Amino acid sequence: MPIVLAEHDPGWSAVFEAEAARLAAALGDVALRIEHVGSTAVAGLAAKPVIDIQLSVADPGAIDAYRAPLEALGYTFATVPIPYFHRPARWPHTHHVHVRRVGSTEESRPLAFRDWLRGHPEDRAAYEALKRELARETDAESAAGRARYSEAKTGFIREIERRSGLVA
């Protein structure tokens, strides 16, 4: 079963805002920043209908500070392709939470990529074309297949990061 991309839904930003409010209430001072990242955060870009949320904390290694509150909200911890939280427990997911250290390069990269695509329609179109090609070739039923889909986009993302000045 291939990955299914949906046309951009302007309602995705409201879904993010509602979830960000739930996260902020559950996490309190642990949540230093909550951002909408990923393709659903870019108007005009087709995406898997999964709201990607970046949660910035002082120390991502202090997992006990945020794991229990996220699990209480229905999130499941996973480690493929990298550690993150998702809900619901089974695929298809509707939300992903990526925990990053505030002020780190790992925090700034997704924000820079999102902002670049928002301001550069030609790169947004090229990214969407790449995603559509990869989606047709990807088995969405397996975590490994979804990880390969994500990894296959890395070269494009790194090129945008370089052009945006984030990395040399």
N, C-alpha and C. Protein backbone atom coordinates (compact mmCIF):
# COMPACT_ATOMS: atom_id res chain seq x y z
N MET A 1 0.85 -1.18 0.00
CA MET A 1 0.00 0.00 0.00
C MET A 1 0.89 1.24 0.00
N PRO A 2 0.74 2.13 -1.00
CA PRO A 2 1.60 3.32 -1.05
C PRO A 2 1.21 4.35 0.01
N ILE A 3 2.11 5.27 0.25
CA ILE A 3 1.80 6.40 1.11
C ILE A 3 0.81 7.28 0.36
N VAL A 4 -0.19 7.75 1.07
CA VAL A 4 -1.21 8.60 0.48
C VAL A 4 -0.94 10.05 0.87
N LEU A 5 -0.79 10.90 -0.13
CA LEU A 5 -0.62 12.33 0.10
C LEU A 5 -1.96 13.02 -0.15
N ALA A 6 -2.32 13.91 0.74
CA ALA A 6 -3.54 14.69 0.60
C ALA A 6 -3.19 16.09 0.14
N GLU A 7 -4.09 16.70 -0.62
CA GLU A 7 -3.90 18.11 -0.96
C GLU A 7 -3.90 18.90 0.35
N HIS A 8 -3.21 20.03 0.34
CA HIS A 8 -3.13 20.83 1.56
C HIS A 8 -4.52 21.18 2.08
N ASP A 9 -4.71 21.02 3.37
CA ASP A 9 -5.96 21.35 4.04
C ASP A 9 -5.72 22.55 4.96
N PRO A 10 -6.34 23.69 4.67
CA PRO A 10 -6.13 24.86 5.54
C PRO A 10 -6.52 24.60 6.99
N GLY A 11 -7.32 23.58 7.24
CA GLY A 11 -7.72 23.24 8.60
C GLY A 11 -6.61 22.61 9.42
N TRP A 12 -5.53 22.18 8.76
CA TRP A 12 -4.43 21.58 9.50
C TRP A 12 -3.84 22.53 10.53
N SER A 13 -3.81 23.82 10.24
CA SER A 13 -3.24 24.76 11.21
C SER A 13 -4.11 24.84 12.47
N ALA A 14 -5.43 24.74 12.32
CA ALA A 14 -6.32 24.75 13.49
C ALA A 14 -6.15 23.46 14.30
N VAL A 15 -5.96 22.35 13.61
CA VAL A 15 -5.71 21.08 14.31
C VAL A 15 -4.43 21.20 15.13
N PHE A 16 -3.39 21.78 14.52
CA PHE A 16 -2.14 21.99 15.25
C PHE A 16 -2.37 22.88 16.47
N GLU A 17 -3.04 24.00 16.29
CA GLU A 17 -3.26 24.94 17.41
C GLU A 17 -3.97 24.26 18.57
N ALA A 18 -4.98 23.46 18.28
CA ALA A 18 -5.71 22.76 19.34
C ALA A 18 -4.79 21.78 20.06
N GLU A 19 -3.98 21.06 19.29
CA GLU A 19 -3.08 20.09 19.92
C GLU A 19 -1.97 20.79 20.68
N ALA A 20 -1.47 21.89 20.17
CA ALA A 20 -0.44 22.65 20.88
C ALA A 20 -0.96 23.12 22.23
N ALA A 21 -2.21 23.53 22.29
CA ALA A 21 -2.80 23.95 23.56
C ALA A 21 -2.88 22.78 24.54
N ARG A 22 -3.26 21.60 24.04
CA ARG A 22 -3.30 20.41 24.91
C ARG A 22 -1.90 20.07 25.42
N LEU A 23 -0.92 20.14 24.53
CA LEU A 23 0.46 19.83 24.93
C LEU A 23 0.97 20.84 25.96
N ALA A 24 0.73 22.11 25.72
CA ALA A 24 1.19 23.14 26.64
C ALA A 24 0.57 22.95 28.02
N ALA A 25 -0.71 22.62 28.06
CA ALA A 25 -1.38 22.41 29.35
C ALA A 25 -0.82 21.19 30.07
N ALA A 26 -0.53 20.13 29.34
CA ALA A 26 -0.03 18.90 29.95
C ALA A 26 1.43 19.00 30.37
N LEU A 27 2.22 19.75 29.61
CA LEU A 27 3.67 19.79 29.84
C LEU A 27 4.13 20.97 30.68
N GLY A 28 3.32 22.00 30.77
CA GLY A 28 3.70 23.16 31.58
C GLY A 28 5.03 23.74 31.15
N ASP A 29 5.88 24.02 32.14
CA ASP A 29 7.18 24.66 31.89
C ASP A 29 8.17 23.78 31.13
N VAL A 30 7.89 22.50 31.01
CA VAL A 30 8.78 21.60 30.27
C VAL A 30 8.80 22.00 28.79
N ALA A 31 7.64 22.42 28.27
CA ALA A 31 7.53 22.83 26.87
C ALA A 31 8.00 24.26 26.72
N LEU A 32 9.20 24.44 26.20
CA LEU A 32 9.74 25.79 26.02
C LEU A 32 9.27 26.40 24.71
N ARG A 33 8.93 25.54 23.75
CA ARG A 33 8.46 26.01 22.44
C ARG A 33 7.71 24.86 21.79
N ILE A 34 6.60 25.17 21.16
CA ILE A 34 5.81 24.18 20.43
C ILE A 34 5.55 24.74 19.05
N GLU A 35 6.04 24.06 18.02
CA GLU A 35 5.95 24.57 16.64
C GLU A 35 5.31 23.54 15.72
N HIS A 36 4.58 24.03 14.74
CA HIS A 36 4.01 23.21 13.67
C HIS A 36 5.09 23.10 12.59
N VAL A 37 5.57 21.89 12.34
CA VAL A 37 6.60 21.65 11.34
C VAL A 37 6.09 20.60 10.36
N GLY A 38 6.91 20.28 9.40
CA GLY A 38 6.52 19.27 8.42
C GLY A 38 5.63 19.86 7.35
N SER A 39 5.22 19.01 6.44
CA SER A 39 4.49 19.46 5.25
C SER A 39 3.12 20.03 5.55
N THR A 40 2.45 19.57 6.61
CA THR A 40 1.13 20.13 6.91
C THR A 40 1.23 21.57 7.38
N ALA A 41 2.44 22.03 7.69
CA ALA A 41 2.66 23.42 8.13
C ALA A 41 2.94 24.37 6.98
N VAL A 42 2.92 23.85 5.75
CA VAL A 42 3.26 24.66 4.57
C VAL A 42 2.05 24.76 3.66
N ALA A 43 1.43 25.92 3.59
CA ALA A 43 0.26 26.12 2.73
C ALA A 43 0.61 25.78 1.29
N GLY A 44 -0.29 25.05 0.64
CA GLY A 44 -0.11 24.71 -0.75
C GLY A 44 0.68 23.45 -1.01
N LEU A 45 1.16 22.79 0.03
CA LEU A 45 1.98 21.60 -0.13
C LEU A 45 1.18 20.35 0.23
N ALA A 46 1.10 19.40 -0.69
CA ALA A 46 0.45 18.12 -0.39
C ALA A 46 1.25 17.42 0.70
N ALA A 47 0.55 16.65 1.52
CA ALA A 47 1.21 16.02 2.67
C ALA A 47 0.48 14.77 3.10
N LYS A 48 1.21 13.89 3.80
CA LYS A 48 0.52 12.86 4.55
C LYS A 48 -0.29 13.64 5.59
N PRO A 49 -1.52 13.29 5.83
CA PRO A 49 -2.33 14.05 6.80
C PRO A 49 -1.93 13.73 8.25
N VAL A 50 -0.69 14.04 8.57
CA VAL A 50 -0.13 13.84 9.91
C VAL A 50 0.40 15.19 10.38
N ILE A 51 -0.07 15.65 11.51
CA ILE A 51 0.38 16.92 12.06
C ILE A 51 1.71 16.68 12.78
N ASP A 52 2.79 17.24 12.23
CA ASP A 52 4.11 17.13 12.87
C ASP A 52 4.30 18.31 13.80
N ILE A 53 4.64 17.99 15.03
CA ILE A 53 4.81 19.00 16.08
C ILE A 53 6.22 18.89 16.63
N GLN A 54 6.88 20.02 16.71
CA GLN A 54 8.20 20.04 17.33
C GLN A 54 8.07 20.62 18.72
N LEU A 55 8.47 19.81 19.70
CA LEU A 55 8.44 20.20 21.10
C LEU A 55 9.87 20.49 21.52
N SER A 56 10.14 21.72 21.88
CA SER A 56 11.49 22.10 22.31
C SER A 56 11.53 22.11 23.83
N VAL A 57 12.55 21.42 24.36
CA VAL A 57 12.72 21.29 25.81
C VAL A 57 14.17 21.61 26.16
N ALA A 58 14.43 21.81 27.44
CA ALA A 58 15.79 22.12 27.88
C ALA A 58 16.72 20.93 27.70
N ASP A 59 16.23 19.72 27.99
CA ASP A 59 17.08 18.53 27.93
C ASP A 59 16.26 17.35 27.40
N PRO A 60 16.38 17.04 26.11
CA PRO A 60 15.64 15.90 25.55
C PRO A 60 16.00 14.57 26.22
N GLY A 61 17.19 14.49 26.81
CA GLY A 61 17.59 13.27 27.49
C GLY A 61 16.83 13.03 28.77
N ALA A 62 16.21 14.04 29.32
CA ALA A 62 15.40 13.91 30.54
C ALA A 62 13.98 13.49 30.15
N ILE A 63 13.88 12.32 29.54
CA ILE A 63 12.62 11.86 28.95
C ILE A 63 11.48 11.77 29.98
N ASP A 64 11.81 11.52 31.24
CA ASP A 64 10.76 11.40 32.25
C ASP A 64 9.97 12.69 32.41
N ALA A 65 10.57 13.82 32.04
CA ALA A 65 9.88 15.10 32.18
C ALA A 65 8.74 15.26 31.19
N TYR A 66 8.79 14.54 30.07
CA TYR A 66 7.74 14.72 29.06
C TYR A 66 7.08 13.42 28.60
N ARG A 67 7.68 12.27 28.86
CA ARG A 67 7.10 11.02 28.37
C ARG A 67 5.73 10.73 28.99
N ALA A 68 5.62 10.77 30.30
CA ALA A 68 4.34 10.46 30.96
C ALA A 68 3.24 11.44 30.55
N PRO A 69 3.51 12.76 30.50
CA PRO A 69 2.44 13.66 30.04
C PRO A 69 2.01 13.39 28.60
N LEU A 70 2.96 13.05 27.72
CA LEU A 70 2.59 12.76 26.34
C LEU A 70 1.79 11.45 26.27
N GLU A 71 2.21 10.45 27.01
CA GLU A 71 1.47 9.19 27.02
C GLU A 71 0.07 9.38 27.59
N ALA A 72 -0.08 10.26 28.58
CA ALA A 72 -1.41 10.55 29.13
C ALA A 72 -2.32 11.19 28.09
N LEU A 73 -1.73 11.85 27.10
CA LEU A 73 -2.51 12.46 26.01
C LEU A 73 -2.75 11.48 24.86
N GLY A 74 -2.30 10.24 25.02
CA GLY A 74 -2.54 9.23 24.00
C GLY A 74 -1.40 8.99 23.04
N TYR A 75 -0.23 9.55 23.32
CA TYR A 75 0.92 9.36 22.46
C TYR A 75 1.68 8.09 22.83
N THR A 76 2.29 7.49 21.82
CA THR A 76 3.12 6.29 21.98
C THR A 76 4.54 6.65 21.59
N PHE A 77 5.50 6.18 22.38
CA PHE A 77 6.91 6.42 22.09
C PHE A 77 7.39 5.40 21.06
N ALA A 78 8.11 5.85 20.05
CA ALA A 78 8.68 4.97 19.02
C ALA A 78 10.12 5.38 18.77
N THR A 79 10.89 4.49 18.17
CA THR A 79 12.30 4.79 17.91
C THR A 79 12.67 4.68 16.45
N VAL A 80 11.73 4.38 15.57
CA VAL A 80 12.02 4.23 14.13
C VAL A 80 11.29 5.32 13.37
N PRO A 81 11.89 6.14 12.52
CA PRO A 81 13.32 6.09 12.18
C PRO A 81 14.20 6.74 13.23
N ILE A 82 13.68 7.66 14.01
CA ILE A 82 14.39 8.27 15.13
C ILE A 82 13.39 8.36 16.27
N PRO A 83 13.83 8.57 17.50
CA PRO A 83 12.86 8.65 18.60
C PRO A 83 11.85 9.78 18.40
N TYR A 84 10.58 9.44 18.58
CA TYR A 84 9.50 10.42 18.47
C TYR A 84 8.26 9.82 19.13
N PHE A 85 7.22 10.61 19.24
CA PHE A 85 5.94 10.14 19.78
C PHE A 85 4.89 10.26 18.69
N HIS A 86 3.94 9.34 18.70
CA HIS A 86 2.86 9.40 17.71
C HIS A 86 1.54 9.00 18.36
N ARG A 87 0.47 9.43 17.71
CA ARG A 87 -0.85 8.95 18.08
C ARG A 87 -1.68 8.87 16.82
N PRO A 88 -2.60 7.98 16.75
CA PRO A 88 -2.83 6.90 17.71
C PRO A 88 -1.69 5.89 17.68
N ALA A 89 -1.84 4.84 18.48
CA ALA A 89 -0.77 3.85 18.61
C ALA A 89 -0.50 3.12 17.29
N ARG A 90 -1.53 2.89 16.50
CA ARG A 90 -1.37 2.15 15.26
C ARG A 90 -1.45 3.09 14.06
N TRP A 91 -0.77 2.72 12.98
CA TRP A 91 -0.81 3.46 11.74
C TRP A 91 -2.19 3.32 11.12
N PRO A 92 -2.77 4.33 10.51
CA PRO A 92 -2.16 5.63 10.24
C PRO A 92 -2.19 6.56 11.46
N HIS A 93 -1.13 7.29 11.61
CA HIS A 93 -1.04 8.26 12.70
C HIS A 93 -1.68 9.57 12.26
N THR A 94 -2.12 10.34 13.24
CA THR A 94 -2.64 11.68 12.96
C THR A 94 -1.70 12.77 13.47
N HIS A 95 -0.85 12.42 14.44
CA HIS A 95 0.05 13.39 15.06
C HIS A 95 1.40 12.75 15.35
N HIS A 96 2.46 13.50 15.13
CA HIS A 96 3.81 13.13 15.55
C HIS A 96 4.37 14.26 16.39
N VAL A 97 5.05 13.91 17.47
CA VAL A 97 5.75 14.91 18.29
C VAL A 97 7.23 14.56 18.28
N HIS A 98 8.04 15.52 17.83
CA HIS A 98 9.49 15.39 17.77
C HIS A 98 10.08 16.28 18.86
N VAL A 99 10.84 15.70 19.76
CA VAL A 99 11.39 16.45 20.89
C VAL A 99 12.82 16.87 20.55
N ARG A 100 13.09 18.15 20.70
CA ARG A 100 14.39 18.73 20.36
C ARG A 100 14.88 19.63 21.50
N ARG A 101 16.19 19.76 21.58
CA ARG A 101 16.79 20.68 22.56
C ARG A 101 16.61 22.11 22.06
N VAL A 102 16.07 22.97 22.90
CA VAL A 102 15.87 24.36 22.53
C VAL A 102 17.22 24.99 22.19
N GLY A 103 17.25 25.73 21.09
CA GLY A 103 18.46 26.41 20.67
C GLY A 103 19.43 25.56 19.87
N SER A 104 19.10 24.30 19.63
CA SER A 104 20.02 23.40 18.92
C SER A 104 19.81 23.47 17.41
N THR A 105 20.78 22.96 16.68
CA THR A 105 20.65 22.85 15.23
C THR A 105 19.48 21.94 14.88
N GLU A 106 19.31 20.87 15.64
CA GLU A 106 18.19 19.93 15.39
C GLU A 106 16.85 20.64 15.53
N GLU A 107 16.77 21.64 16.39
CA GLU A 107 15.54 22.42 16.53
C GLU A 107 15.38 23.38 15.36
N SER A 108 16.45 24.03 14.95
CA SER A 108 16.33 25.06 13.92
C SER A 108 16.17 24.50 12.51
N ARG A 109 16.67 23.31 12.23
CA ARG A 109 16.59 22.76 10.87
C ARG A 109 15.16 22.62 10.36
N PRO A 110 14.26 21.96 11.08
CA PRO A 110 12.89 21.84 10.55
C PRO A 110 12.19 23.18 10.39
N LEU A 111 12.52 24.13 11.25
CA LEU A 111 11.91 25.46 11.16
C LEU A 111 12.41 26.20 9.92
N ALA A 112 13.72 26.10 9.67
CA ALA A 112 14.29 26.75 8.49
C ALA A 112 13.73 26.14 7.21
N PHE A 113 13.61 24.81 7.18
CA PHE A 113 13.07 24.13 6.00
C PHE A 113 11.62 24.54 5.77
N ARG A 114 10.82 24.52 6.82
CA ARG A 114 9.42 24.95 6.72
C ARG A 114 9.32 26.37 6.19
N ASP A 115 10.09 27.27 6.77
CA ASP A 115 10.02 28.68 6.38
C ASP A 115 10.50 28.89 4.95
N TRP A 116 11.53 28.14 4.53
CA TRP A 116 12.01 28.25 3.16
C TRP A 116 10.91 27.83 2.18
N LEU A 117 10.28 26.71 2.44
CA LEU A 117 9.23 26.25 1.53
C LEU A 117 8.05 27.22 1.50
N ARG A 118 7.74 27.84 2.61
CA ARG A 118 6.66 28.82 2.64
C ARG A 118 6.96 30.00 1.73
N GLY A 119 8.23 30.37 1.61
CA GLY A 119 8.60 31.55 0.83
C GLY A 119 9.14 31.29 -0.55
N HIS A 120 9.26 30.02 -0.94
CA HIS A 120 9.87 29.68 -2.24
C HIS A 120 8.99 28.67 -2.97
N PRO A 121 7.99 29.14 -3.71
CA PRO A 121 7.03 28.23 -4.36
C PRO A 121 7.66 27.24 -5.32
N GLU A 122 8.75 27.62 -5.99
CA GLU A 122 9.38 26.69 -6.93
C GLU A 122 10.00 25.51 -6.19
N ASP A 123 10.58 25.73 -5.03
CA ASP A 123 11.14 24.63 -4.24
C ASP A 123 10.03 23.82 -3.58
N ARG A 124 8.96 24.49 -3.19
CA ARG A 124 7.80 23.78 -2.64
C ARG A 124 7.26 22.81 -3.69
N ALA A 125 7.13 23.25 -4.95
CA ALA A 125 6.63 22.39 -6.03
C ALA A 125 7.58 21.23 -6.29
N ALA A 126 8.88 21.49 -6.27
CA ALA A 126 9.87 20.43 -6.50
C ALA A 126 9.82 19.40 -5.36
N TYR A 127 9.65 19.87 -4.14
CA TYR A 127 9.55 18.97 -3.00
C TYR A 127 8.30 18.11 -3.10
N GLU A 128 7.21 18.73 -3.49
CA GLU A 128 5.97 17.97 -3.64
C GLU A 128 6.11 16.90 -4.74
N ALA A 129 6.75 17.25 -5.83
CA ALA A 129 6.95 16.27 -6.91
C ALA A 129 7.79 15.09 -6.40
N LEU A 130 8.84 15.38 -5.65
CA LEU A 130 9.67 14.32 -5.08
C LEU A 130 8.84 13.45 -4.15
N LYS A 131 8.07 14.08 -3.28
CA LYS A 131 7.24 13.32 -2.34
C LYS A 131 6.24 12.43 -3.07
N ARG A 132 5.63 12.92 -4.12
CA ARG A 132 4.66 12.12 -4.87
C ARG A 132 5.33 10.91 -5.52
N GLU A 133 6.53 11.12 -6.07
CA GLU A 133 7.27 10.00 -6.68
C GLU A 133 7.61 8.96 -5.62
N LEU A 134 8.15 9.40 -4.49
CA LEU A 134 8.53 8.47 -3.43
C LEU A 134 7.31 7.77 -2.84
N ALA A 135 6.20 8.49 -2.71
CA ALA A 135 4.99 7.90 -2.12
C ALA A 135 4.50 6.72 -2.95
N ARG A 136 4.58 6.83 -4.26
CA ARG A 136 4.13 5.74 -5.13
C ARG A 136 4.96 4.48 -4.94
N GLU A 137 6.22 4.66 -4.53
CA GLU A 137 7.16 3.55 -4.42
C GLU A 137 7.28 3.01 -3.00
N THR A 138 6.53 3.55 -2.05
CA THR A 138 6.73 3.24 -0.64
C THR A 138 5.60 2.40 -0.08
N ASP A 139 5.98 1.43 0.73
CA ASP A 139 5.01 0.62 1.46
C ASP A 139 4.68 1.32 2.78
N ALA A 140 3.49 1.90 2.84
CA ALA A 140 3.10 2.66 4.03
C ALA A 140 2.71 1.77 5.20
N GLU A 141 2.51 0.50 4.96
CA GLU A 141 2.07 -0.40 6.02
C GLU A 141 3.16 -0.73 7.03
N SER A 142 4.42 -0.63 6.62
CA SER A 142 5.50 -0.98 7.54
C SER A 142 6.23 0.27 8.02
N ALA A 143 6.67 0.21 9.27
CA ALA A 143 7.45 1.32 9.82
C ALA A 143 8.74 1.49 9.02
N ALA A 144 9.32 0.38 8.58
CA ALA A 144 10.56 0.46 7.79
C ALA A 144 10.31 1.15 6.46
N GLY A 145 9.18 0.87 5.83
CA GLY A 145 8.84 1.53 4.57
C GLY A 145 8.65 3.02 4.75
N ARG A 146 7.96 3.40 5.82
CA ARG A 146 7.75 4.82 6.09
C ARG A 146 9.07 5.50 6.42
N ALA A 147 9.97 4.79 7.10
CA ALA A 147 11.29 5.35 7.41
C ALA A 147 12.08 5.56 6.12
N ARG A 148 12.00 4.61 5.19
CA ARG A 148 12.71 4.77 3.91
C ARG A 148 12.17 5.99 3.15
N TYR A 149 10.87 6.20 3.18
CA TYR A 149 10.26 7.37 2.54
C TYR A 149 10.87 8.65 3.13
N SER A 150 10.94 8.72 4.44
CA SER A 150 11.51 9.90 5.10
C SER A 150 12.98 10.08 4.75
N GLU A 151 13.73 9.00 4.80
CA GLU A 151 15.17 9.07 4.51
C GLU A 151 15.44 9.47 3.06
N ALA A 152 14.57 9.05 2.14
CA ALA A 152 14.78 9.36 0.72
C ALA A 152 14.62 10.85 0.43
N LYS A 153 13.98 11.59 1.31
CA LYS A 153 13.82 13.03 1.14
C LYS A 153 15.00 13.83 1.69
N THR A 154 15.91 13.16 2.40
CA THR A 154 16.98 13.85 3.12
C THR A 154 17.87 14.69 2.22
N GLY A 155 18.25 14.18 1.06
CA GLY A 155 19.13 14.95 0.17
C GLY A 155 18.52 16.27 -0.23
N PHE A 156 17.23 16.25 -0.58
CA PHE A 156 16.53 17.49 -0.96
C PHE A 156 16.50 18.45 0.23
N ILE A 157 16.17 17.93 1.39
CA ILE A 157 16.06 18.77 2.59
C ILE A 157 17.42 19.40 2.91
N ARG A 158 18.48 18.60 2.85
CA ARG A 158 19.82 19.13 3.16
C ARG A 158 20.22 20.22 2.15
N GLU A 159 19.84 20.08 0.89
CA GLU A 159 20.14 21.11 -0.10
C GLU A 159 19.42 22.41 0.24
N ILE A 160 18.17 22.33 0.64
CA ILE A 160 17.43 23.53 1.04
C ILE A 160 18.06 24.15 2.28
N GLU A 161 18.46 23.33 3.23
CA GLU A 161 19.13 23.86 4.43
C GLU A 161 20.41 24.60 4.04
N ARG A 162 21.16 24.05 3.10
CA ARG A 162 22.38 24.71 2.65
C ARG A 162 22.05 26.05 1.99
N ARG A 163 21.05 26.04 1.12
CA ARG A 163 20.68 27.28 0.42
C ARG A 163 20.09 28.32 1.38
N SER A 164 19.45 27.86 2.43
CA SER A 164 18.86 28.80 3.38
C SER A 164 19.91 29.42 4.31
N GLY A 165 21.15 28.87 4.24
CA GLY A 165 22.20 29.39 5.08
C GLY A 165 22.29 28.71 6.43
N LEU A 166 21.45 27.72 6.68
CA LEU A 166 21.47 27.04 7.98
C LEU A 166 22.74 26.23 8.15
N VAL A 167 23.16 25.55 7.09
CA VAL A 167 24.38 24.75 7.15
C VAL A 167 25.28 25.13 5.98
N ALA A 168 26.56 24.90 6.15
CA ALA A 168 27.53 25.24 5.10
C ALA A 168 27.57 24.16 4.03
